[in-house]
Structure formats: C-alpha cells, structure tokens
Amino acid sequence: MIYPLHAADILVDLSEQTLYLPKHNKLYVVSTGEKGIGEAENSGKTPRGWHQVALKFGADAPENTVFIARQPTGEIYDDELAEQFPERDWILSRILWLSGLEDGFNQGAGCDTFKRYIYLHGTPDTEPMGIPKSHGCIRMRNRDIIELFELIPEQALVYLSEERLDFSPLAIEPQP
C-alpha cells in the first residue's frame, strides 16, 4: 500500500542518515545498514518503502538496557560490558519493530522487513551517527530512541526513502 508522504509519522532519509517526525517537528541523526539499502533477506541492508511500527519493547526500561531477542537481559550497557563482549551488536534502551506494508517489496517471501527483525533501536553513544554502520536496523542515540518511543504509537506509519527528502514543506511550526 502506498501513502502520501504527509501521512507518515516517521520519515527516514537513508541518503542523509536522518529521521524526521513531521507532527512533532523533530529531526534526529541515525545510522542505517553498513551494507547499503535493500530488502533481501540476510542482506544486512536497510529496507525501503512504507512500514508500520508493529511492536514496541522497553517501556520504562532504564536507559542503556541491553536487549537480546527483544528481551531485556538484565544488563545495563557500560564500558566494562563492551570490553567483555566486543563483537555484540548492541540493541539498547528501546525497540520499535518495523513491518513492511508493500507486498512483494518489503512484505512477503524473501523480503519481509518484520521477519528480518528490522528495528529502530538504541545503540551505544560511542557509536557514530550520520554514517551507515548497522546490520540493517536504524540505530539511534539512546536518549533519542527513548523520546521517539514516547512520541510514536504502535501502528504508526514509517517511510524509509533512499531518495533525499526535503523536510521543509512537511515541517510543522513549533508550538510556543
């Protein structure tokens, strides 16, 4: 299903590594797939197109809570934990699990965003933002993902664009 851009609750510009919330006039710097853009299973790429926030995890969890398989491990990320597990792909603080809405493109056999476990999630604040470094997910600073989690409900519409997005015509004037 295709929607007009103004219907999106979240707009992600993959070329600029930014995430915009039009209804809240908030812009965040993110990090997407290091292997590029694409929908194929096991590609490590960030998918494009229309999605929705299918499920949210981590409400009320402390900042830097470590998640594995969407479950808190009981750990809080810090330098010592990072040294202990240097190869771990850290999923921290909050998770918004995306589901594709375009059959045969980002939904269905071989390309299903939900079955690929593509999330918006927190990452260590030492990780760079503004450059592709993830395994396909959209990484955010922990305070940013916590704020996003509070602002965005399940079923919210998300558009991931490989084309540069001009946010100015979509921006809402900040309220005094």
N, C-alpha and C. Protein backbone atom coordinates (compact mmCIF):
# COMPACT_ATOMS: atom_id res chain seq x y z
N MET A 1 0.84 -1.17 0.00
CA MET A 1 0.00 0.00 0.00
C MET A 1 0.89 1.24 0.00
N ILE A 2 0.54 2.22 -0.79
CA ILE A 2 1.31 3.45 -0.91
C ILE A 2 0.49 4.58 -0.30
N TYR A 3 1.14 5.43 0.48
CA TYR A 3 0.51 6.56 1.15
C TYR A 3 1.17 7.85 0.69
N PRO A 4 0.49 8.99 0.85
CA PRO A 4 1.18 10.26 0.59
C PRO A 4 2.20 10.51 1.70
N LEU A 5 3.30 11.15 1.37
CA LEU A 5 4.36 11.37 2.35
C LEU A 5 3.86 12.09 3.60
N HIS A 6 2.91 12.99 3.45
CA HIS A 6 2.43 13.74 4.62
C HIS A 6 1.69 12.85 5.61
N ALA A 7 1.37 11.61 5.23
CA ALA A 7 0.71 10.68 6.15
C ALA A 7 1.69 10.01 7.11
N ALA A 8 2.97 10.11 6.81
CA ALA A 8 3.99 9.42 7.61
C ALA A 8 4.12 10.04 9.00
N ASP A 9 4.23 9.17 10.00
CA ASP A 9 4.55 9.61 11.36
C ASP A 9 6.06 9.72 11.53
N ILE A 10 6.79 8.88 10.78
CA ILE A 10 8.25 8.88 10.80
C ILE A 10 8.74 8.84 9.36
N LEU A 11 9.66 9.74 9.02
CA LEU A 11 10.30 9.75 7.71
C LEU A 11 11.80 9.51 7.93
N VAL A 12 12.34 8.52 7.25
CA VAL A 12 13.77 8.23 7.36
C VAL A 12 14.41 8.48 5.99
N ASP A 13 15.38 9.38 5.98
CA ASP A 13 16.13 9.70 4.77
C ASP A 13 17.43 8.89 4.85
N LEU A 14 17.47 7.78 4.12
CA LEU A 14 18.62 6.88 4.16
C LEU A 14 19.87 7.53 3.56
N SER A 15 19.70 8.41 2.59
CA SER A 15 20.85 9.06 1.96
C SER A 15 21.51 10.06 2.91
N GLU A 16 20.72 10.72 3.74
CA GLU A 16 21.24 11.73 4.66
C GLU A 16 21.41 11.20 6.08
N GLN A 17 20.95 9.95 6.33
CA GLN A 17 21.05 9.35 7.66
C GLN A 17 20.32 10.20 8.71
N THR A 18 19.08 10.57 8.36
CA THR A 18 18.27 11.35 9.28
C THR A 18 16.88 10.73 9.42
N LEU A 19 16.26 11.02 10.55
CA LEU A 19 14.90 10.58 10.85
C LEU A 19 14.13 11.81 11.29
N TYR A 20 12.95 12.01 10.70
CA TYR A 20 12.16 13.20 10.97
C TYR A 20 10.77 12.81 11.43
N LEU A 21 10.27 13.51 12.44
CA LEU A 21 8.90 13.34 12.94
C LEU A 21 8.11 14.58 12.54
N PRO A 22 7.38 14.54 11.43
CA PRO A 22 6.68 15.73 10.95
C PRO A 22 5.71 16.33 11.95
N LYS A 23 4.95 15.50 12.66
CA LYS A 23 3.93 16.03 13.58
C LYS A 23 4.54 16.67 14.81
N HIS A 24 5.81 16.38 15.07
CA HIS A 24 6.49 16.93 16.24
C HIS A 24 7.63 17.87 15.86
N ASN A 25 7.87 18.00 14.55
CA ASN A 25 8.94 18.84 14.01
C ASN A 25 10.28 18.54 14.69
N LYS A 26 10.62 17.24 14.74
CA LYS A 26 11.87 16.80 15.36
C LYS A 26 12.71 16.05 14.34
N LEU A 27 14.00 16.33 14.35
CA LEU A 27 14.94 15.72 13.43
C LEU A 27 16.05 15.06 14.24
N TYR A 28 16.38 13.81 13.87
CA TYR A 28 17.42 13.05 14.55
C TYR A 28 18.43 12.55 13.52
N VAL A 29 19.66 12.42 13.92
CA VAL A 29 20.69 11.78 13.09
C VAL A 29 20.69 10.29 13.48
N VAL A 30 20.74 9.41 12.49
CA VAL A 30 20.67 7.97 12.71
C VAL A 30 21.83 7.27 11.99
N SER A 31 21.86 5.96 12.14
CA SER A 31 22.82 5.13 11.41
C SER A 31 22.06 3.91 10.88
N THR A 32 22.15 3.70 9.56
CA THR A 32 21.43 2.59 8.92
C THR A 32 22.44 1.55 8.42
N GLY A 33 21.98 0.65 7.55
CA GLY A 33 22.76 -0.50 7.13
C GLY A 33 24.10 -0.21 6.48
N GLU A 34 25.15 -0.75 7.08
CA GLU A 34 26.51 -0.60 6.56
C GLU A 34 26.63 -1.21 5.15
N LYS A 35 25.83 -2.24 4.87
CA LYS A 35 25.88 -2.90 3.56
C LYS A 35 24.98 -2.23 2.53
N GLY A 36 24.34 -1.13 2.92
CA GLY A 36 23.55 -0.37 1.97
C GLY A 36 22.05 -0.52 2.16
N ILE A 37 21.35 -0.31 1.07
CA ILE A 37 19.90 -0.27 1.06
C ILE A 37 19.37 -1.44 0.25
N GLY A 38 18.38 -2.15 0.80
CA GLY A 38 17.79 -3.26 0.08
C GLY A 38 16.87 -4.08 0.96
N GLU A 39 16.06 -4.87 0.33
CA GLU A 39 15.02 -5.59 1.04
C GLU A 39 15.28 -7.09 1.19
N ALA A 40 16.29 -7.62 0.55
CA ALA A 40 16.50 -9.07 0.53
C ALA A 40 16.85 -9.61 1.92
N GLU A 41 16.29 -10.77 2.22
CA GLU A 41 16.61 -11.49 3.46
C GLU A 41 18.11 -11.71 3.56
N ASN A 42 18.62 -11.68 4.78
CA ASN A 42 20.03 -11.97 5.08
C ASN A 42 21.01 -11.05 4.36
N SER A 43 20.55 -9.89 3.93
CA SER A 43 21.43 -8.97 3.20
C SER A 43 22.17 -8.00 4.12
N GLY A 44 21.65 -7.78 5.32
CA GLY A 44 22.23 -6.79 6.20
C GLY A 44 21.96 -5.36 5.75
N LYS A 45 21.04 -5.21 4.79
CA LYS A 45 20.71 -3.89 4.24
C LYS A 45 19.44 -3.35 4.88
N THR A 46 19.31 -2.03 4.85
CA THR A 46 18.12 -1.37 5.38
C THR A 46 17.06 -1.30 4.29
N PRO A 47 15.83 -1.77 4.59
CA PRO A 47 14.78 -1.76 3.58
C PRO A 47 14.22 -0.37 3.32
N ARG A 48 13.57 -0.25 2.18
CA ARG A 48 12.92 1.00 1.77
C ARG A 48 11.41 0.84 1.84
N GLY A 49 10.74 1.96 1.63
CA GLY A 49 9.30 1.96 1.45
C GLY A 49 8.50 2.16 2.72
N TRP A 50 7.20 1.83 2.57
CA TRP A 50 6.23 2.05 3.65
C TRP A 50 6.25 0.90 4.64
N HIS A 51 6.27 1.28 5.91
CA HIS A 51 6.28 0.34 7.03
C HIS A 51 5.34 0.86 8.11
N GLN A 52 5.13 0.03 9.10
CA GLN A 52 4.46 0.50 10.30
C GLN A 52 5.23 -0.02 11.51
N VAL A 53 5.06 0.66 12.63
CA VAL A 53 5.63 0.18 13.88
C VAL A 53 4.72 -0.95 14.35
N ALA A 54 5.19 -2.18 14.22
CA ALA A 54 4.37 -3.35 14.56
C ALA A 54 4.29 -3.56 16.06
N LEU A 55 5.44 -3.48 16.72
CA LEU A 55 5.52 -3.73 18.16
C LEU A 55 6.58 -2.84 18.78
N LYS A 56 6.38 -2.51 20.05
CA LYS A 56 7.34 -1.71 20.80
C LYS A 56 7.78 -2.49 22.04
N PHE A 57 9.06 -2.37 22.37
CA PHE A 57 9.63 -3.07 23.53
C PHE A 57 10.49 -2.10 24.33
N GLY A 58 10.39 -2.21 25.65
CA GLY A 58 11.29 -1.46 26.52
C GLY A 58 10.66 -0.33 27.30
N ALA A 59 9.34 -0.20 27.28
CA ALA A 59 8.71 0.87 28.05
C ALA A 59 9.19 0.81 29.49
N ASP A 60 9.61 1.93 30.00
CA ASP A 60 10.06 2.07 31.39
C ASP A 60 11.38 1.38 31.70
N ALA A 61 12.04 0.80 30.72
CA ALA A 61 13.36 0.20 30.97
C ALA A 61 14.36 1.33 31.18
N PRO A 62 15.35 1.11 32.04
CA PRO A 62 16.38 2.15 32.21
C PRO A 62 17.14 2.40 30.91
N GLU A 63 17.63 3.60 30.74
CA GLU A 63 18.48 3.92 29.59
C GLU A 63 19.65 2.96 29.57
N ASN A 64 20.04 2.51 28.39
CA ASN A 64 21.15 1.57 28.15
C ASN A 64 20.83 0.13 28.55
N THR A 65 19.54 -0.18 28.79
CA THR A 65 19.16 -1.58 29.00
C THR A 65 19.54 -2.38 27.76
N VAL A 66 20.14 -3.54 27.97
CA VAL A 66 20.57 -4.41 26.87
C VAL A 66 19.43 -5.37 26.54
N PHE A 67 19.12 -5.50 25.24
CA PHE A 67 18.10 -6.43 24.75
C PHE A 67 18.75 -7.48 23.86
N ILE A 68 18.31 -8.72 24.02
CA ILE A 68 18.62 -9.80 23.09
C ILE A 68 17.30 -10.48 22.79
N ALA A 69 17.00 -10.65 21.51
CA ALA A 69 15.72 -11.23 21.07
C ALA A 69 14.55 -10.47 21.70
N ARG A 70 14.67 -9.14 21.75
CA ARG A 70 13.65 -8.23 22.24
C ARG A 70 13.36 -8.36 23.73
N GLN A 71 14.18 -9.09 24.44
CA GLN A 71 14.01 -9.27 25.88
C GLN A 71 15.16 -8.58 26.62
N PRO A 72 14.86 -7.85 27.70
CA PRO A 72 15.95 -7.28 28.48
C PRO A 72 16.78 -8.39 29.13
N THR A 73 18.08 -8.25 29.07
CA THR A 73 18.98 -9.28 29.61
C THR A 73 19.26 -9.09 31.09
N GLY A 74 18.86 -7.95 31.63
CA GLY A 74 19.22 -7.60 33.00
C GLY A 74 20.50 -6.80 33.07
N GLU A 75 21.17 -6.63 31.92
CA GLU A 75 22.41 -5.87 31.85
C GLU A 75 22.12 -4.42 31.50
N ILE A 76 22.99 -3.53 31.96
CA ILE A 76 22.99 -2.13 31.56
C ILE A 76 24.33 -1.89 30.87
N TYR A 77 24.26 -1.43 29.63
CA TYR A 77 25.48 -1.24 28.84
C TYR A 77 26.41 -0.24 29.51
N ASP A 78 27.69 -0.59 29.56
CA ASP A 78 28.75 0.31 30.01
C ASP A 78 30.06 -0.14 29.37
N ASP A 79 31.14 0.59 29.63
CA ASP A 79 32.43 0.28 29.01
C ASP A 79 32.92 -1.12 29.36
N GLU A 80 32.69 -1.55 30.59
CA GLU A 80 33.14 -2.88 31.02
C GLU A 80 32.41 -3.98 30.23
N LEU A 81 31.11 -3.83 30.05
CA LEU A 81 30.33 -4.81 29.28
C LEU A 81 30.77 -4.80 27.81
N ALA A 82 31.05 -3.63 27.29
CA ALA A 82 31.52 -3.50 25.91
C ALA A 82 32.84 -4.24 25.70
N GLU A 83 33.74 -4.13 26.67
CA GLU A 83 35.02 -4.84 26.58
C GLU A 83 34.83 -6.35 26.70
N GLN A 84 33.88 -6.77 27.50
CA GLN A 84 33.61 -8.19 27.71
C GLN A 84 33.03 -8.85 26.46
N PHE A 85 32.22 -8.10 25.70
CA PHE A 85 31.55 -8.63 24.51
C PHE A 85 31.79 -7.71 23.31
N PRO A 86 33.01 -7.66 22.80
CA PRO A 86 33.34 -6.69 21.75
C PRO A 86 32.63 -6.93 20.42
N GLU A 87 32.16 -8.13 20.15
CA GLU A 87 31.53 -8.42 18.86
C GLU A 87 30.01 -8.32 18.88
N ARG A 88 29.43 -8.03 20.02
CA ARG A 88 27.97 -7.98 20.14
C ARG A 88 27.40 -6.78 19.39
N ASP A 89 26.30 -6.99 18.66
CA ASP A 89 25.57 -5.90 18.02
C ASP A 89 24.58 -5.40 19.06
N TRP A 90 24.90 -4.29 19.72
CA TRP A 90 24.15 -3.82 20.87
C TRP A 90 22.81 -3.23 20.46
N ILE A 91 21.76 -3.74 21.09
CA ILE A 91 20.41 -3.20 20.95
C ILE A 91 20.03 -2.72 22.34
N LEU A 92 19.90 -1.40 22.47
CA LEU A 92 19.77 -0.78 23.79
C LEU A 92 18.52 0.08 23.93
N SER A 93 18.07 0.23 25.16
CA SER A 93 17.09 1.20 25.65
C SER A 93 15.65 0.97 25.19
N ARG A 94 15.39 0.97 23.89
CA ARG A 94 14.04 0.78 23.36
C ARG A 94 14.14 0.13 21.98
N ILE A 95 13.04 -0.55 21.59
CA ILE A 95 12.94 -1.17 20.26
C ILE A 95 11.58 -0.83 19.67
N LEU A 96 11.56 -0.37 18.43
CA LEU A 96 10.34 -0.26 17.63
C LEU A 96 10.55 -1.18 16.44
N TRP A 97 9.80 -2.27 16.40
CA TRP A 97 9.95 -3.33 15.38
C TRP A 97 9.09 -2.97 14.19
N LEU A 98 9.71 -2.89 13.02
CA LEU A 98 9.01 -2.49 11.80
C LEU A 98 8.45 -3.66 11.02
N SER A 99 7.33 -3.41 10.37
CA SER A 99 6.70 -4.38 9.48
C SER A 99 6.43 -3.69 8.15
N GLY A 100 6.87 -4.31 7.05
CA GLY A 100 6.64 -3.75 5.72
C GLY A 100 5.18 -3.77 5.33
N LEU A 101 4.77 -2.81 4.52
CA LEU A 101 3.38 -2.70 4.07
C LEU A 101 3.21 -2.88 2.57
N GLU A 102 4.34 -3.16 1.87
CA GLU A 102 4.27 -3.28 0.41
C GLU A 102 4.54 -4.72 0.00
N ASP A 103 3.47 -5.43 -0.34
CA ASP A 103 3.55 -6.85 -0.68
C ASP A 103 4.52 -7.08 -1.84
N GLY A 104 5.43 -8.02 -1.65
CA GLY A 104 6.40 -8.36 -2.68
C GLY A 104 7.60 -7.42 -2.73
N PHE A 105 7.57 -6.37 -1.93
CA PHE A 105 8.69 -5.42 -1.90
C PHE A 105 9.38 -5.44 -0.54
N ASN A 106 8.63 -5.16 0.52
CA ASN A 106 9.18 -5.24 1.88
C ASN A 106 8.30 -6.08 2.80
N GLN A 107 7.38 -6.82 2.18
CA GLN A 107 6.49 -7.72 2.89
C GLN A 107 6.33 -8.99 2.06
N GLY A 108 6.50 -10.15 2.69
CA GLY A 108 6.34 -11.41 1.98
C GLY A 108 7.66 -12.15 1.82
N ALA A 109 7.59 -13.26 1.11
CA ALA A 109 8.73 -14.18 0.97
C ALA A 109 9.98 -13.48 0.42
N GLY A 110 11.10 -13.67 1.12
CA GLY A 110 12.40 -13.20 0.66
C GLY A 110 12.71 -11.74 0.91
N CYS A 111 11.71 -10.97 1.40
CA CYS A 111 11.94 -9.53 1.57
C CYS A 111 11.25 -8.94 2.78
N ASP A 112 10.72 -9.77 3.66
CA ASP A 112 9.84 -9.33 4.74
C ASP A 112 10.60 -8.60 5.86
N THR A 113 10.35 -7.31 5.98
CA THR A 113 11.02 -6.49 7.00
C THR A 113 10.80 -7.06 8.40
N PHE A 114 9.58 -7.44 8.72
CA PHE A 114 9.28 -7.97 10.06
C PHE A 114 10.06 -9.25 10.33
N LYS A 115 10.07 -10.17 9.38
CA LYS A 115 10.79 -11.43 9.56
C LYS A 115 12.31 -11.24 9.53
N ARG A 116 12.76 -10.11 9.00
CA ARG A 116 14.19 -9.77 9.01
C ARG A 116 14.60 -9.12 10.33
N TYR A 117 13.65 -8.86 11.21
CA TYR A 117 13.92 -8.23 12.51
C TYR A 117 14.57 -6.86 12.36
N ILE A 118 13.93 -6.03 11.55
CA ILE A 118 14.42 -4.67 11.35
C ILE A 118 13.75 -3.77 12.39
N TYR A 119 14.59 -3.11 13.19
CA TYR A 119 14.13 -2.26 14.29
C TYR A 119 14.65 -0.84 14.16
N LEU A 120 13.97 0.05 14.84
CA LEU A 120 14.54 1.31 15.30
C LEU A 120 14.97 1.00 16.72
N HIS A 121 16.24 1.24 17.07
CA HIS A 121 16.69 0.90 18.42
C HIS A 121 17.86 1.76 18.85
N GLY A 122 18.11 1.75 20.15
CA GLY A 122 19.25 2.46 20.70
C GLY A 122 20.53 1.70 20.47
N THR A 123 21.63 2.42 20.50
CA THR A 123 22.96 1.85 20.32
C THR A 123 23.91 2.60 21.25
N PRO A 124 25.07 2.05 21.54
CA PRO A 124 26.00 2.77 22.42
C PRO A 124 26.28 4.19 21.92
N ASP A 125 26.31 5.12 22.83
CA ASP A 125 26.55 6.51 22.45
C ASP A 125 27.93 6.74 21.87
N THR A 126 28.80 5.75 22.00
CA THR A 126 30.13 5.83 21.39
C THR A 126 30.10 5.49 19.90
N GLU A 127 29.01 4.87 19.43
CA GLU A 127 28.89 4.50 18.01
C GLU A 127 28.62 5.75 17.18
N PRO A 128 29.20 5.84 15.99
CA PRO A 128 28.98 7.02 15.15
C PRO A 128 27.55 7.08 14.61
N MET A 129 27.04 8.28 14.49
CA MET A 129 25.76 8.53 13.84
C MET A 129 26.05 9.32 12.56
N GLY A 130 25.11 9.26 11.63
CA GLY A 130 25.27 10.01 10.40
C GLY A 130 25.99 9.25 9.31
N ILE A 131 26.42 8.02 9.64
CA ILE A 131 27.03 7.15 8.63
C ILE A 131 26.45 5.75 8.78
N PRO A 132 26.31 5.00 7.69
CA PRO A 132 25.77 3.65 7.76
C PRO A 132 26.74 2.72 8.50
N LYS A 133 26.28 2.14 9.63
CA LYS A 133 27.13 1.23 10.40
C LYS A 133 26.35 0.05 10.98
N SER A 134 25.03 -0.02 10.76
CA SER A 134 24.23 -1.08 11.39
C SER A 134 24.21 -2.35 10.55
N HIS A 135 23.53 -3.35 11.08
CA HIS A 135 23.33 -4.61 10.35
C HIS A 135 21.99 -4.61 9.61
N GLY A 136 21.45 -3.43 9.34
CA GLY A 136 20.19 -3.27 8.62
C GLY A 136 19.16 -2.47 9.38
N CYS A 137 19.28 -2.44 10.70
CA CYS A 137 18.36 -1.67 11.53
C CYS A 137 18.67 -0.17 11.42
N ILE A 138 17.82 0.61 12.07
CA ILE A 138 18.03 2.05 12.17
C ILE A 138 18.43 2.32 13.62
N ARG A 139 19.70 2.65 13.80
CA ARG A 139 20.24 2.91 15.13
C ARG A 139 20.07 4.38 15.48
N MET A 140 19.81 4.61 16.77
CA MET A 140 19.66 5.98 17.28
C MET A 140 20.40 6.11 18.61
N ARG A 141 20.71 7.34 18.98
CA ARG A 141 21.23 7.62 20.30
C ARG A 141 20.17 7.19 21.33
N ASN A 142 20.60 6.77 22.49
CA ASN A 142 19.67 6.24 23.49
C ASN A 142 18.61 7.25 23.93
N ARG A 143 19.01 8.46 24.18
CA ARG A 143 18.01 9.47 24.60
C ARG A 143 17.04 9.77 23.46
N ASP A 144 17.52 9.72 22.22
CA ASP A 144 16.65 9.95 21.07
C ASP A 144 15.63 8.83 20.91
N ILE A 145 16.06 7.57 21.05
CA ILE A 145 15.11 6.46 20.88
C ILE A 145 14.09 6.44 22.02
N ILE A 146 14.50 6.82 23.21
CA ILE A 146 13.56 6.90 24.32
C ILE A 146 12.51 7.98 24.04
N GLU A 147 12.94 9.13 23.54
CA GLU A 147 12.00 10.19 23.18
C GLU A 147 11.06 9.73 22.06
N LEU A 148 11.63 9.13 21.03
CA LEU A 148 10.83 8.63 19.91
C LEU A 148 9.80 7.61 20.39
N PHE A 149 10.23 6.70 21.25
CA PHE A 149 9.35 5.67 21.80
C PHE A 149 8.12 6.28 22.46
N GLU A 150 8.32 7.38 23.18
CA GLU A 150 7.22 8.04 23.88
C GLU A 150 6.29 8.78 22.92
N LEU A 151 6.81 9.27 21.82
CA LEU A 151 6.03 10.08 20.88
C LEU A 151 5.26 9.26 19.85
N ILE A 152 5.75 8.05 19.55
CA ILE A 152 5.22 7.28 18.42
C ILE A 152 4.49 6.02 18.91
N PRO A 153 3.22 5.85 18.53
CA PRO A 153 2.48 4.65 18.95
C PRO A 153 2.72 3.47 18.01
N GLU A 154 2.34 2.29 18.48
CA GLU A 154 2.31 1.14 17.58
C GLU A 154 1.35 1.48 16.44
N GLN A 155 1.59 0.89 15.28
CA GLN A 155 0.84 1.09 14.04
C GLN A 155 1.16 2.41 13.35
N ALA A 156 2.07 3.21 13.91
CA ALA A 156 2.47 4.47 13.26
C ALA A 156 3.07 4.16 11.89
N LEU A 157 2.81 5.03 10.93
CA LEU A 157 3.33 4.87 9.57
C LEU A 157 4.76 5.39 9.48
N VAL A 158 5.62 4.61 8.82
CA VAL A 158 7.03 4.92 8.68
C VAL A 158 7.38 4.81 7.20
N TYR A 159 8.07 5.83 6.67
CA TYR A 159 8.54 5.77 5.29
C TYR A 159 10.06 5.86 5.28
N LEU A 160 10.70 4.86 4.66
CA LEU A 160 12.16 4.82 4.53
C LEU A 160 12.49 5.10 3.07
N SER A 161 13.19 6.21 2.83
CA SER A 161 13.46 6.67 1.48
C SER A 161 14.94 6.61 1.15
N GLU A 162 15.27 6.07 -0.02
CA GLU A 162 16.67 6.14 -0.47
C GLU A 162 16.93 7.47 -1.16
N GLU A 163 15.88 8.17 -1.56
CA GLU A 163 15.99 9.49 -2.18
C GLU A 163 16.04 10.54 -1.08
N ARG A 164 16.79 11.58 -1.30
CA ARG A 164 16.88 12.66 -0.33
C ARG A 164 15.49 13.27 -0.14
N LEU A 165 15.10 13.44 1.11
CA LEU A 165 13.81 14.04 1.44
C LEU A 165 14.00 15.50 1.82
N ASP A 166 13.12 16.34 1.33
CA ASP A 166 13.13 17.75 1.72
C ASP A 166 12.09 17.91 2.81
N PHE A 167 12.54 18.05 4.04
CA PHE A 167 11.61 18.11 5.16
C PHE A 167 10.91 19.45 5.29
N SER A 168 11.42 20.50 4.66
CA SER A 168 10.87 21.84 4.87
C SER A 168 9.39 21.97 4.56
N PRO A 169 8.86 21.41 3.44
CA PRO A 169 7.42 21.59 3.21
C PRO A 169 6.56 20.75 4.16
N LEU A 170 7.17 19.80 4.83
CA LEU A 170 6.42 18.93 5.74
C LEU A 170 6.50 19.42 7.18
N ALA A 171 7.41 20.34 7.45
CA ALA A 171 7.65 20.78 8.82
C ALA A 171 6.43 21.50 9.38
N ILE A 172 6.21 21.30 10.63
CA ILE A 172 5.13 21.96 11.37
C ILE A 172 5.80 23.01 12.25
N GLU A 173 5.21 24.17 12.33
CA GLU A 173 5.77 25.22 13.18
C GLU A 173 5.77 24.74 14.62
N PRO A 174 6.91 24.89 15.32
CA PRO A 174 6.93 24.51 16.73
C PRO A 174 5.91 25.34 17.53
N GLN A 175 5.28 24.69 18.48
CA GLN A 175 4.29 25.38 19.32
C GLN A 175 5.01 26.14 20.42
N PRO A 176 4.52 27.37 20.73
CA PRO A 176 5.16 28.15 21.80
C PRO A 176 4.99 27.48 23.16
